Amino acid sequence: MAPVRRLAASVVTLALLAGVTLALLAGATLALVAGASLAIAGRADYVGSSTCGTCHPEVLAAWQATAHARAGASLGPRPPARCLSCHGTGDAPAGRAYFAEVGCEACHGPGAHYATADLMRNRPLAEALGLVDLGPPAVRAALCARCHGGPSTRLVPLELSRPVHPRASAASAASAAATAAVSASRTPASSARVITTASSPSSP
């Protein structure tokens, strides 16, 4: 009877070890995917603000009225990469900027891995796949200070008490929802002006 008990205990121990190993491997894989999406993001990793607006029309409408939506307008057709690190969405100045705007993904991270509705309903999974949570003031301050801090900027000083996404009026939210639904059925992932830079390396 003792050998049978020892055998059963060994089988249970092996099963537990196998389960823990699989869980660790799954977690490491998610971390690698999320890390890779932020470290070596390419054009395919960005979905564009209009895609985000299909599920968040009120936020898109509010953003369209901000300076962030027009951030690249004054830079010309081939702006330097150093300018696009604050005036664009992408990997500038180290890589390419893909949109001449400070769009959703400039702050929340490249969205191709987390932007689908089913993933966005699972917040921890979306964050594991690259969604940046800007709720904590310290996280938001660190991100915003990259462009709104320091003596070399002419941008509006950072005020953490201001809302990140000012609410649009009900009429503009309804209008944005209708526009987003129509544009999603007619256009590619984003209708933002796609740009080329004077000194950016080629796209990965």
Foldseek 3Di string as FASTA:
>chain_A
DVVVVVVVVVVVVVVVVVVVVVVVVVLVVLQVLQVCCFPQPFPLLALAQLLLCLVVLQLSLQQCPDVQAVLQVPQDFAHAQQSCLRQADDDGPQADGFFRGCHPCSLQNRPPQQRDPVSVVVVVSSVSNGGDDPPDPVSVCVSVCVAQNDDVHPDDHDDSVDDPRDGDDPVSSVVSNVVSVVCVVPDGSYPGDTHHYPDHDDTD
